[in-house]
Structures are given as C-alpha cells and as structure tokens.
C-alpha cells in the first residue's frame, strides 16, 4: 500500500495546549466496549472493482490502550486503518468515532491522527514540521514554538530541531511523525507498521514513544508484522484474513491459544517473531 501524500491528516485536529468466505467463525472472548465505544464499525465493506478488500467488518473498541491489527499481507489492515480515519469511504457499512459519523466534507475524523508506514516530511527543519501542524495557528507564535520544542524534547529530537527533516534517518523521521501526531492531542492514534525497516535501536525508541502516548490516555490502533512487537506492546489482538475479522482476543490468549485455523497457520508461518519476544 503506497503512503498518502501527507503524514498527518485531519485539518480540524487541535494542538496540545500544554508541554473467499472464511472457514472458521469469529472468536471474540474479549468483551466489546460498553454503551458508547470509542470506535464502532458496522458491516464495513470496501470493494473497489470486483475485489473485496474489507468484508462486512463489525468491531466495537475502546476499552484497551493498544490494539494490534495483524494478518498476512493483503489481509486489508492498511485499508482498514485508512477507512477508520476517513481517508477512504466504505462501499457499505458505517464507521463511528466517539458516537459520530465523519461529517461530510471533512478529510478525517477530528480527534484522530494517522501515522503512515513511510511518513512524508515537509521541506524545512524538524521544528518547521511541527510548527505547521494543522490547527497550530490558533496559538501565538511564541507559544507554538515552545510547544514544538517541548515535543521534540519528548521524542529525543531536540538537538536536531534545526536539521533538515528530509535528511533525518528513518528512525528519526518516524519519531518526528509521532511528534506531529502527538502534538494534536489525539484521542485515537492509528499507526501503520510504525517500525517497518527500522533497526533494533530505532525500533526500541519508537516502541517506547508508543508506550508513552498510551500512558497519556490516548488509545492506539496499530498494524504490525513484527509479532514480537505485538507481544510487547498490545493489550489486545485482532486477526484479519482476506478482509474478514476472524479473531479477537487478549494478546496473551491469542498467542497461547488461537481459536481459528487461519490464525494458527499464520503463527506457525511466522515463527521467527519468537526471537524478538524479549524486551
């Protein structure tokens, strides 16, 4: 899936005011969220042309801090994230966030941020990339700069505030993209393969930032092919196969006792992830 043109969508997001049918049934031992889930999907279907990428997905979520969407390549994970965010419109079904549908004409849901697998950087410095966060113009210039510098400090990029963003390493770019998203104070952060192609050190730095964002009360919905990472970070796992949600469990239960044949085959084929289980 090619990344979209911009690394952060949703012009209405506000800055921080301070520093084939499946052969197995769905297994859902984790209870759905209560009366007003943060996120609710009802029969969400995405079918461009004759190919069905998302097949009537039902999903209520919001009770756990980090939920990982996993599954083989082509399962529909990235398309699902973009549909949740509002960048893609489903052909059938509905996505609701905090009890509301995306208003007509809005690029994305307010209160969400999406960081792509390969985030684009704007021309200019690392600091410039935070100063142009949508909605930041509501604050005075001095306050905006102070907020941005504080955020760079939080993600370990303060010494690179003046460095050209386009010349940052892959790990530095990913941390800068997370800083841009974090600055909008999202209530839901969507991450698409946040550490793909990063070395172990850069991966560890990004994972710690995800933990920090979660600790601040933000819910995180992420895709990852690094199952060791899923085991380290996620509270809950959703397994998707051929566009269908086949299984949903707590992370520990999923890895110990997957309920579907598809999930068991997926885990057997991904055995090298076990090498990455240790923190």
C-alpha atoms as a PDB file:
ATOM      1  CA  UNK A   1       0.000   0.000   0.000  1.00  0.00           C
ATOM      2  CA  UNK A   2       1.560   3.322  -1.014  1.00  0.00           C
ATOM      3  CA  UNK A   3       1.630   6.012   1.691  1.00  0.00           C
ATOM      4  CA  UNK A   4      -0.589   9.012   1.232  1.00  0.00           C
ATOM      5  CA  UNK A   5       0.836  12.385   0.340  1.00  0.00           C
ATOM      6  CA  UNK A   6       0.883  13.768   3.860  1.00  0.00           C
ATOM      7  CA  UNK A   7       1.988  12.159   7.118  1.00  0.00           C
ATOM      8  CA  UNK A   8      -0.797  13.594   9.219  1.00  0.00           C
ATOM      9  CA  UNK A   9      -4.348  14.092   8.042  1.00  0.00           C
ATOM     10  CA  UNK A  10      -7.273  15.867   9.616  1.00  0.00           C
ATOM     11  CA  UNK A  11      -7.198  19.628   9.316  1.00  0.00           C
ATOM     12  CA  UNK A  12      -9.502  20.065  12.294  1.00  0.00           C
ATOM     13  CA  UNK A  13      -7.165  18.369  14.771  1.00  0.00           C
ATOM     14  CA  UNK A  14      -6.181  20.676  17.615  1.00  0.00           C
ATOM     15  CA  UNK A  15      -2.726  21.223  19.135  1.00  0.00           C
ATOM     16  CA  UNK A  16      -1.882  20.440  22.731  1.00  0.00           C
ATOM     17  CA  UNK A  17      -2.485  23.343  24.993  1.00  0.00           C
ATOM     18  CA  UNK A  18       0.419  22.279  27.177  1.00  0.00           C
ATOM     19  CA  UNK A  19       4.113  20.937  27.020  1.00  0.00           C
ATOM     20  CA  UNK A  20     -13.450 -16.217  -0.020  1.00  0.00           C
ATOM     21  CA  UNK A  21     -15.705 -16.863   2.940  1.00  0.00           C
ATOM     22  CA  UNK A  22     -13.590 -17.864   5.860  1.00  0.00           C
ATOM     23  CA  UNK A  23     -13.802 -21.414   7.069  1.00  0.00           C
ATOM     24  CA  UNK A  24     -13.763 -20.527  10.756  1.00  0.00           C
ATOM     25  CA  UNK A  25     -16.103 -18.409  12.899  1.00  0.00           C
ATOM     26  CA  UNK A  26     -15.030 -15.247  14.663  1.00  0.00           C
ATOM     27  CA  UNK A  27     -13.722 -15.872  18.156  1.00  0.00           C
ATOM     28  CA  UNK A  28     -14.293 -12.866  20.423  1.00  0.00           C
ATOM     29  CA  UNK A  29     -13.732 -13.717  24.077  1.00  0.00           C
ATOM     30  CA  UNK A  30     -12.755 -10.096  24.779  1.00  0.00           C
ATOM     31  CA  UNK A  31     -15.954  -8.174  25.522  1.00  0.00           C
ATOM     32  CA  UNK A  32     -16.878  -5.244  23.330  1.00  0.00           C
ATOM     33  CA  UNK A  33     -16.805  -1.751  24.728  1.00  0.00           C
ATOM     34  CA  UNK A  34     -19.756  -0.604  26.764  1.00  0.00           C
ATOM     35  CA  UNK A  35     -22.593   1.655  25.656  1.00  0.00           C
ATOM     36  CA  UNK A  36     -20.508   4.257  23.850  1.00  0.00           C
ATOM     37  CA  UNK A  37     -17.385   2.661  22.394  1.00  0.00           C
ATOM     38  CA  UNK A  38     -14.632   4.930  21.215  1.00  0.00           C
ATOM     39  CA  UNK A  39     -14.765   3.272  17.805  1.00  0.00           C
ATOM     40  CA  UNK A  40     -17.627   1.365  16.208  1.00  0.00           C
ATOM     41  CA  UNK A  41     -17.660  -0.356  12.824  1.00  0.00           C
ATOM     42  CA  UNK A  42     -20.823  -1.866  11.413  1.00  0.00           C
ATOM     43  CA  UNK A  43     -20.595  -4.180   8.369  1.00  0.00           C
ATOM     44  CA  UNK A  44     -17.791  -2.058   6.926  1.00  0.00           C
ATOM     45  CA  UNK A  45     -17.105  -3.192   3.366  1.00  0.00           C
ATOM     46  CA  UNK A  46     -14.615  -1.842   0.852  1.00  0.00           C
ATOM     47  CA  UNK A  47     -14.885  -3.297  -2.626  1.00  0.00           C
ATOM     48  CA  UNK A  48     -13.067  -1.379  -5.362  1.00  0.00           C
ATOM     49  CA  UNK A  49     -13.939  -3.038  -8.656  1.00  0.00           C
ATOM     50  CA  UNK A  50     -14.536  -6.760  -8.274  1.00  0.00           C
ATOM     51  CA  UNK A  51     -12.163  -7.350  -5.383  1.00  0.00           C
ATOM     52  CA  UNK A  52     -13.416  -7.292  -1.805  1.00  0.00           C
ATOM     53  CA  UNK A  53     -10.727  -5.873   0.488  1.00  0.00           C
ATOM     54  CA  UNK A  54     -12.875  -5.390   3.604  1.00  0.00           C
ATOM     55  CA  UNK A  55     -15.756  -7.813   4.029  1.00  0.00           C
ATOM     56  CA  UNK A  56     -18.523  -6.697   6.426  1.00  0.00           C
ATOM     57  CA  UNK A  57     -16.282  -5.946   9.410  1.00  0.00           C
ATOM     58  CA  UNK A  58     -18.020  -5.410  12.761  1.00  0.00           C
ATOM     59  CA  UNK A  59     -15.897  -4.042  15.564  1.00  0.00           C
ATOM     60  CA  UNK A  60     -16.509  -2.101  18.784  1.00  0.00           C
ATOM     61  CA  UNK A  61     -13.398  -0.941  20.588  1.00  0.00           C
ATOM     62  CA  UNK A  62     -12.102   1.469  23.128  1.00  0.00           C
ATOM     63  CA  UNK A  63     -11.620  -0.473  26.349  1.00  0.00           C
ATOM     64  CA  UNK A  64      -7.921  -1.236  25.928  1.00  0.00           C
ATOM     65  CA  UNK A  65      -4.908   1.000  25.458  1.00  0.00           C
ATOM     66  CA  UNK A  66      -3.249  -0.645  22.456  1.00  0.00           C
ATOM     67  CA  UNK A  67      -4.911  -2.938  19.932  1.00  0.00           C
ATOM     68  CA  UNK A  68      -2.872  -4.617  17.199  1.00  0.00           C
ATOM     69  CA  UNK A  69      -4.345  -5.493  13.810  1.00  0.00           C
ATOM     70  CA  UNK A  70      -2.423  -8.443  12.427  1.00  0.00           C
ATOM     71  CA  UNK A  71      -2.732 -10.793   9.487  1.00  0.00           C
ATOM     72  CA  UNK A  72      -0.960 -11.803   6.285  1.00  0.00           C
ATOM     73  CA  UNK A  73      -0.034  -9.388   3.531  1.00  0.00           C
ATOM     74  CA  UNK A  74      -3.102  -8.288   1.613  1.00  0.00           C
ATOM     75  CA  UNK A  75      -5.475  -9.031   4.501  1.00  0.00           C
ATOM     76  CA  UNK A  76      -6.802  -5.460   4.440  1.00  0.00           C
ATOM     77  CA  UNK A  77      -5.113  -3.993   7.523  1.00  0.00           C
ATOM     78  CA  UNK A  78      -3.873  -0.748   5.997  1.00  0.00           C
ATOM     79  CA  UNK A  79      -7.122  -0.200   4.120  1.00  0.00           C
ATOM     80  CA  UNK A  80      -8.987  -0.696   7.392  1.00  0.00           C
ATOM     81  CA  UNK A  81      -6.882   1.948   9.149  1.00  0.00           C
ATOM     82  CA  UNK A  82      -7.486   4.440   6.344  1.00  0.00           C
ATOM     83  CA  UNK A  83     -11.191   3.698   6.363  1.00  0.00           C
ATOM     84  CA  UNK A  84     -11.366   4.196  10.125  1.00  0.00           C
ATOM     85  CA  UNK A  85      -9.595   7.526   9.764  1.00  0.00           C
ATOM     86  CA  UNK A  86     -11.869   8.677   6.959  1.00  0.00           C
ATOM     87  CA  UNK A  87      -9.353   8.751   4.115  1.00  0.00           C
ATOM     88  CA  UNK A  88     -11.306   6.006   2.351  1.00  0.00           C
ATOM     89  CA  UNK A  89     -15.095   5.790   2.239  1.00  0.00           C
ATOM     90  CA  UNK A  90     -16.555   2.304   2.691  1.00  0.00           C
ATOM     91  CA  UNK A  91     -18.803   0.973  -0.070  1.00  0.00           C
ATOM     92  CA  UNK A  92     -21.161  -0.309   2.606  1.00  0.00           C
ATOM     93  CA  UNK A  93     -21.450  -0.082   6.356  1.00  0.00           C
ATOM     94  CA  UNK A  94     -20.556   2.687   8.764  1.00  0.00           C
ATOM     95  CA  UNK A  95     -17.636   3.894  10.859  1.00  0.00           C
ATOM     96  CA  UNK A  96     -18.441   5.878  14.005  1.00  0.00           C
ATOM     97  CA  UNK A  97     -15.914   7.552  16.256  1.00  0.00           C
ATOM     98  CA  UNK A  98     -16.999   8.709  19.691  1.00  0.00           C
ATOM     99  CA  UNK A  99     -20.583   8.090  18.635  1.00  0.00           C
ATOM    100  CA  UNK A 100     -20.498  10.194  15.496  1.00  0.00           C
ATOM    101  CA  UNK A 101     -20.026   9.678  11.769  1.00  0.00           C
ATOM    102  CA  UNK A 102     -17.458  11.703   9.871  1.00  0.00           C
ATOM    103  CA  UNK A 103     -19.061  14.984   8.801  1.00  0.00           C
ATOM    104  CA  UNK A 104     -19.478  15.401   5.046  1.00  0.00           C
ATOM    105  CA  UNK A 105     -16.607  17.358   3.586  1.00  0.00           C
ATOM    106  CA  UNK A 106     -14.143  16.655   6.410  1.00  0.00           C
ATOM    107  CA  UNK A 107     -10.912  14.973   5.379  1.00  0.00           C
ATOM    108  CA  UNK A 108     -10.783  12.826   8.505  1.00  0.00           C
ATOM    109  CA  UNK A 109     -12.233  12.421  11.976  1.00  0.00           C
ATOM    110  CA  UNK A 110     -11.384  15.136  14.457  1.00  0.00           C
ATOM    111  CA  UNK A 111      -9.638  13.613  17.451  1.00  0.00           C
ATOM    112  CA  UNK A 112      -7.731  11.037  15.418  1.00  0.00           C
ATOM    113  CA  UNK A 113      -4.220  11.045  13.994  1.00  0.00           C
ATOM    114  CA  UNK A 114      -2.725   8.605  11.494  1.00  0.00           C
ATOM    115  CA  UNK A 115       0.981   7.939  11.048  1.00  0.00           C
ATOM    116  CA  UNK A 116       1.871   6.119   7.856  1.00  0.00           C
ATOM    117  CA  UNK A 117       4.452   3.405   7.414  1.00  0.00           C
ATOM    118  CA  UNK A 118       6.641   5.791   5.434  1.00  0.00           C
ATOM    119  CA  UNK A 119       5.696   9.272   6.674  1.00  0.00           C
ATOM    120  CA  UNK A 120       6.383  12.156   4.363  1.00  0.00           C
ATOM    121  CA  UNK A 121       8.401  15.082   5.622  1.00  0.00           C
ATOM    122  CA  UNK A 122       7.746  18.671   4.671  1.00  0.00           C
ATOM    123  CA  UNK A 123      10.609  20.820   3.432  1.00  0.00           C
ATOM    124  CA  UNK A 124      12.312  22.709   6.204  1.00  0.00           C
ATOM    125  CA  UNK A 125      13.648  21.746   9.582  1.00  0.00           C
ATOM    126  CA  UNK A 126      12.367  19.224  12.099  1.00  0.00           C
ATOM    127  CA  UNK A 127      10.983  22.165  14.065  1.00  0.00           C
ATOM    128  CA  UNK A 128       9.234  23.543  10.970  1.00  0.00           C
ATOM    129  CA  UNK A 129       7.485  20.190  10.570  1.00  0.00           C
ATOM    130  CA  UNK A 130       5.837  20.698  13.960  1.00  0.00           C
ATOM    131  CA  UNK A 131       5.046  24.373  13.524  1.00  0.00           C
ATOM    132  CA  UNK A 132       2.835  23.581  10.532  1.00  0.00           C
ATOM    133  CA  UNK A 133       0.705  21.017  12.366  1.00  0.00           C
ATOM    134  CA  UNK A 134      -2.969  21.689  11.460  1.00  0.00           C
ATOM    135  CA  UNK A 135      -4.591  23.979  13.974  1.00  0.00           C
ATOM    136  CA  UNK A 136      -1.327  25.226  15.438  1.00  0.00           C
ATOM    137  CA  UNK A 137      -2.039  28.687  14.074  1.00  0.00           C
ATOM    138  CA  UNK A 138      -4.599  29.142  16.856  1.00  0.00           C
ATOM    139  CA  UNK A 139      -1.791  29.711  19.319  1.00  0.00           C
ATOM    140  CA  UNK A 140       0.583  32.688  19.444  1.00  0.00           C
ATOM    141  CA  UNK A 141       3.820  32.165  17.543  1.00  0.00           C
ATOM    142  CA  UNK A 142       5.944  32.065  20.686  1.00  0.00           C
ATOM    143  CA  UNK A 143       3.659  29.549  22.366  1.00  0.00           C
ATOM    144  CA  UNK A 144       3.599  27.375  19.240  1.00  0.00           C
ATOM    145  CA  UNK A 145       7.387  27.335  19.117  1.00  0.00           C
ATOM    146  CA  UNK A 146       7.634  26.439  22.802  1.00  0.00           C
ATOM    147  CA  UNK A 147       5.126  23.606  22.355  1.00  0.00           C
ATOM    148  CA  UNK A 148       7.011  22.283  19.340  1.00  0.00           C
ATOM    149  CA  UNK A 149      10.403  22.402  21.075  1.00  0.00           C
ATOM    150  CA  UNK A 150       8.967  20.648  24.127  1.00  0.00           C
ATOM    151  CA  UNK A 151       7.579  17.931  21.886  1.00  0.00           C
ATOM    152  CA  UNK A 152      10.932  17.492  20.148  1.00  0.00           C
ATOM    153  CA  UNK A 153      12.458  17.064  23.593  1.00  0.00           C
ATOM    154  CA  UNK A 154       9.889  14.378  24.457  1.00  0.00           C
ATOM    155  CA  UNK A 155      10.741  12.346  21.363  1.00  0.00           C
ATOM    156  CA  UNK A 156      14.509  12.817  21.706  1.00  0.00           C
ATOM    157  CA  UNK A 157      14.941  15.124  18.729  1.00  0.00           C
ATOM    158  CA  UNK A 158      15.595  18.476  20.428  1.00  0.00           C
ATOM    159  CA  UNK A 159      19.266  18.562  19.275  1.00  0.00           C
ATOM    160  CA  UNK A 160      18.010  18.116  15.683  1.00  0.00           C
ATOM    161  CA  UNK A 161      15.418  20.896  15.812  1.00  0.00           C
ATOM    162  CA  UNK A 162      17.220  22.842  13.086  1.00  0.00           C
ATOM    163  CA  UNK A 163      18.212  19.856  10.965  1.00  0.00           C
ATOM    164  CA  UNK A 164      16.559  19.420   7.543  1.00  0.00           C
ATOM    165  CA  UNK A 165      13.724  16.959   8.042  1.00  0.00           C
ATOM    166  CA  UNK A 166      14.357  15.370   4.649  1.00  0.00           C
ATOM    167  CA  UNK A 167      17.857  14.361   5.793  1.00  0.00           C
ATOM    168  CA  UNK A 168      16.824  12.644   9.015  1.00  0.00           C
ATOM    169  CA  UNK A 169      17.298   8.892   9.362  1.00  0.00           C
ATOM    170  CA  UNK A 170      14.346   6.534   9.065  1.00  0.00           C
ATOM    171  CA  UNK A 171      14.011   6.201  12.823  1.00  0.00           C
ATOM    172  CA  UNK A 172      14.292   9.954  13.348  1.00  0.00           C
ATOM    173  CA  UNK A 173      11.609  10.575  10.732  1.00  0.00           C
ATOM    174  CA  UNK A 174       9.287   8.135  12.418  1.00  0.00           C
ATOM    175  CA  UNK A 175       9.798   9.822  15.771  1.00  0.00           C
ATOM    176  CA  UNK A 176       9.162  13.202  14.156  1.00  0.00           C
ATOM    177  CA  UNK A 177       5.957  11.876  12.587  1.00  0.00           C
ATOM    178  CA  UNK A 178       4.870  10.608  16.016  1.00  0.00           C
ATOM    179  CA  UNK A 179       5.667  14.022  17.484  1.00  0.00           C
ATOM    180  CA  UNK A 180       3.486  15.691  14.857  1.00  0.00           C
ATOM    181  CA  UNK A 181       0.625  13.361  15.686  1.00  0.00           C
ATOM    182  CA  UNK A 182       1.106  13.663  19.459  1.00  0.00           C
ATOM    183  CA  UNK A 183       1.050  17.465  19.228  1.00  0.00           C
ATOM    184  CA  UNK A 184      -2.581  17.324  18.109  1.00  0.00           C
ATOM    185  CA  UNK A 185      -3.574  15.562  21.362  1.00  0.00           C
ATOM    186  CA  UNK A 186      -5.420  12.744  19.583  1.00  0.00           C
ATOM    187  CA  UNK A 187      -7.816  10.503  21.429  1.00  0.00           C
ATOM    188  CA  UNK A 188      -7.129   7.749  18.884  1.00  0.00           C
ATOM    189  CA  UNK A 189      -3.750   7.237  17.249  1.00  0.00           C
ATOM    190  CA  UNK A 190      -3.585   4.986  14.184  1.00  0.00           C
ATOM    191  CA  UNK A 191      -0.173   3.526  13.336  1.00  0.00           C
ATOM    192  CA  UNK A 192       0.588   1.621  10.135  1.00  0.00           C
ATOM    193  CA  UNK A 193       3.689  -0.546  10.587  1.00  0.00           C
ATOM    194  CA  UNK A 194       5.454   2.084  12.711  1.00  0.00           C
ATOM    195  CA  UNK A 195       8.828   0.325  12.815  1.00  0.00           C
ATOM    196  CA  UNK A 196       8.995  -1.322   9.387  1.00  0.00           C
ATOM    197  CA  UNK A 197      12.596  -1.339   8.115  1.00  0.00           C
ATOM    198  CA  UNK A 198      14.000   0.197  11.305  1.00  0.00           C
ATOM    199  CA  UNK A 199      16.982  -1.269  13.133  1.00  0.00           C
ATOM    200  CA  UNK A 200      16.548  -2.679  16.671  1.00  0.00           C
ATOM    201  CA  UNK A 201      17.665   0.514  18.405  1.00  0.00           C
ATOM    202  CA  UNK A 202      15.318   2.747  16.419  1.00  0.00           C
ATOM    203  CA  UNK A 203      12.524   0.208  16.902  1.00  0.00           C
ATOM    204  CA  UNK A 204      13.011   0.308  20.679  1.00  0.00           C
ATOM    205  CA  UNK A 205      12.844   4.119  20.671  1.00  0.00           C
ATOM    206  CA  UNK A 206       9.613   4.159  18.683  1.00  0.00           C
ATOM    207  CA  UNK A 207       8.045   1.458  20.858  1.00  0.00           C
ATOM    208  CA  UNK A 208       8.815   3.487  23.980  1.00  0.00           C
ATOM    209  CA  UNK A 209       7.135   6.530  22.456  1.00  0.00           C
ATOM    210  CA  UNK A 210       4.047   4.440  21.718  1.00  0.00           C
ATOM    211  CA  UNK A 211       4.006   3.359  25.374  1.00  0.00           C
ATOM    212  CA  UNK A 212       4.343   6.990  26.473  1.00  0.00           C
ATOM    213  CA  UNK A 213       1.462   8.073  24.235  1.00  0.00           C
ATOM    214  CA  UNK A 214      -0.689   5.253  25.611  1.00  0.00           C
ATOM    215  CA  UNK A 215       0.224   6.229  29.175  1.00  0.00           C
ATOM    216  CA  UNK A 216      -1.131   9.695  28.442  1.00  0.00           C
ATOM    217  CA  UNK A 217      -4.591   8.246  27.848  1.00  0.00           C
ATOM    218  CA  UNK A 218      -4.588   8.005  24.063  1.00  0.00           C
ATOM    219  CA  UNK A 219      -5.886   4.777  22.530  1.00  0.00           C
ATOM    220  CA  UNK A 220      -3.602   3.243  19.892  1.00  0.00           C
ATOM    221  CA  UNK A 221      -4.710   1.038  16.996  1.00  0.00           C
ATOM    222  CA  UNK A 222      -1.726  -0.276  15.066  1.00  0.00           C
ATOM    223  CA  UNK A 223      -0.741  -2.741  12.379  1.00  0.00           C
ATOM    224  CA  UNK A 224       2.477  -4.715  12.625  1.00  0.00           C
ATOM    225  CA  UNK A 225       4.120  -7.739  11.042  1.00  0.00           C
ATOM    226  CA  UNK A 226       6.578  -7.846  13.948  1.00  0.00           C
ATOM    227  CA  UNK A 227       4.778 -10.270  16.225  1.00  0.00           C
ATOM    228  CA  UNK A 228       7.371  -9.824  18.940  1.00  0.00           C
ATOM    229  CA  UNK A 229       6.449  -6.165  18.928  1.00  0.00           C
ATOM    230  CA  UNK A 230       2.773  -7.065  19.138  1.00  0.00           C
ATOM    231  CA  UNK A 231       3.514  -9.263  22.154  1.00  0.00           C
ATOM    232  CA  UNK A 232       5.430  -6.439  23.834  1.00  0.00           C
ATOM    233  CA  UNK A 233       3.023  -3.576  23.168  1.00  0.00           C
ATOM    234  CA  UNK A 234      -0.527  -4.722  22.540  1.00  0.00           C
ATOM    235  CA  UNK A 235      -3.224  -5.372  25.116  1.00  0.00           C
ATOM    236  CA  UNK A 236      -5.483  -6.933  22.500  1.00  0.00           C
ATOM    237  CA  UNK A 237      -5.084  -8.574  19.078  1.00  0.00           C
ATOM    238  CA  UNK A 238      -7.467  -8.521  16.137  1.00  0.00           C
ATOM    239  CA  UNK A 239      -6.662 -11.057  13.427  1.00  0.00           C
ATOM    240  CA  UNK A 240      -7.781 -10.236   9.883  1.00  0.00           C
ATOM    241  CA  UNK A 241      -7.693 -12.648   6.963  1.00  0.00           C
ATOM    242  CA  UNK A 242      -8.926 -11.974   3.423  1.00  0.00           C
ATOM    243  CA  UNK A 243     -10.725  -8.866   4.551  1.00  0.00           C
ATOM    244  CA  UNK A 244     -12.637 -10.523   7.382  1.00  0.00           C
ATOM    245  CA  UNK A 245     -12.187 -10.153  11.111  1.00  0.00           C
ATOM    246  CA  UNK A 246     -11.701 -13.743  12.201  1.00  0.00           C
ATOM    247  CA  UNK A 247     -10.454 -13.479  15.741  1.00  0.00           C
ATOM    248  CA  UNK A 248     -10.209 -11.081  18.650  1.00  0.00           C
ATOM    249  CA  UNK A 249      -8.535 -11.918  21.940  1.00  0.00           C
ATOM    250  CA  UNK A 250      -6.260 -10.535  24.594  1.00  0.00           C
ATOM    251  CA  UNK A 251      -2.679 -10.674  23.369  1.00  0.00           C
ATOM    252  CA  UNK A 252      -1.587 -13.397  25.771  1.00  0.00           C
ATOM    253  CA  UNK A 253      -4.591 -15.582  24.942  1.00  0.00           C
ATOM    254  CA  UNK A 254      -4.147 -15.143  21.200  1.00  0.00           C
ATOM    255  CA  UNK A 255      -0.535 -16.261  21.189  1.00  0.00           C
ATOM    256  CA  UNK A 256      -1.204 -19.110  23.617  1.00  0.00           C
ATOM    257  CA  UNK A 257      -4.462 -20.437  22.143  1.00  0.00           C
ATOM    258  CA  UNK A 258      -5.539 -19.008  18.779  1.00  0.00           C
ATOM    259  CA  UNK A 259      -9.093 -20.118  18.046  1.00  0.00           C
ATOM    260  CA  UNK A 260      -9.110 -20.271  14.264  1.00  0.00           C
ATOM    261  CA  UNK A 261      -7.216 -22.490  11.850  1.00  0.00           C
ATOM    262  CA  UNK A 262      -6.198 -19.409   9.886  1.00  0.00           C
ATOM    263  CA  UNK A 263      -4.608 -17.794  12.930  1.00  0.00           C
ATOM    264  CA  UNK A 264      -2.809 -20.988  13.892  1.00  0.00           C
ATOM    265  CA  UNK A 265      -1.382 -21.310  10.365  1.00  0.00           C
ATOM    266  CA  UNK A 266      -0.381 -17.647  10.398  1.00  0.00           C
ATOM    267  CA  UNK A 267       1.517 -18.030  13.661  1.00  0.00           C
ATOM    268  CA  UNK A 268       3.243 -21.223  12.518  1.00  0.00           C
ATOM    269  CA  UNK A 269       4.423 -19.428   9.393  1.00  0.00           C
ATOM    270  CA  UNK A 270       5.735 -16.515  11.438  1.00  0.00           C
ATOM    271  CA  UNK A 271       7.832 -18.444  13.948  1.00  0.00           C
ATOM    272  CA  UNK A 272      10.913 -16.155  13.655  1.00  0.00           C
ATOM    273  CA  UNK A 273       8.982 -13.492  15.591  1.00  0.00           C
ATOM    274  CA  UNK A 274       9.643 -15.544  18.717  1.00  0.00           C
ATOM    275  CA  UNK A 275      13.245 -14.352  18.595  1.00  0.00           C
ATOM    276  CA  UNK A 276      12.011 -10.804  19.272  1.00  0.00           C
ATOM    277  CA  UNK A 277       9.821 -11.501  22.282  1.00  0.00           C
ATOM    278  CA  UNK A 278      12.292 -10.260  24.847  1.00  0.00           C
ATOM    279  CA  UNK A 279      12.131  -6.509  25.581  1.00  0.00           C
END
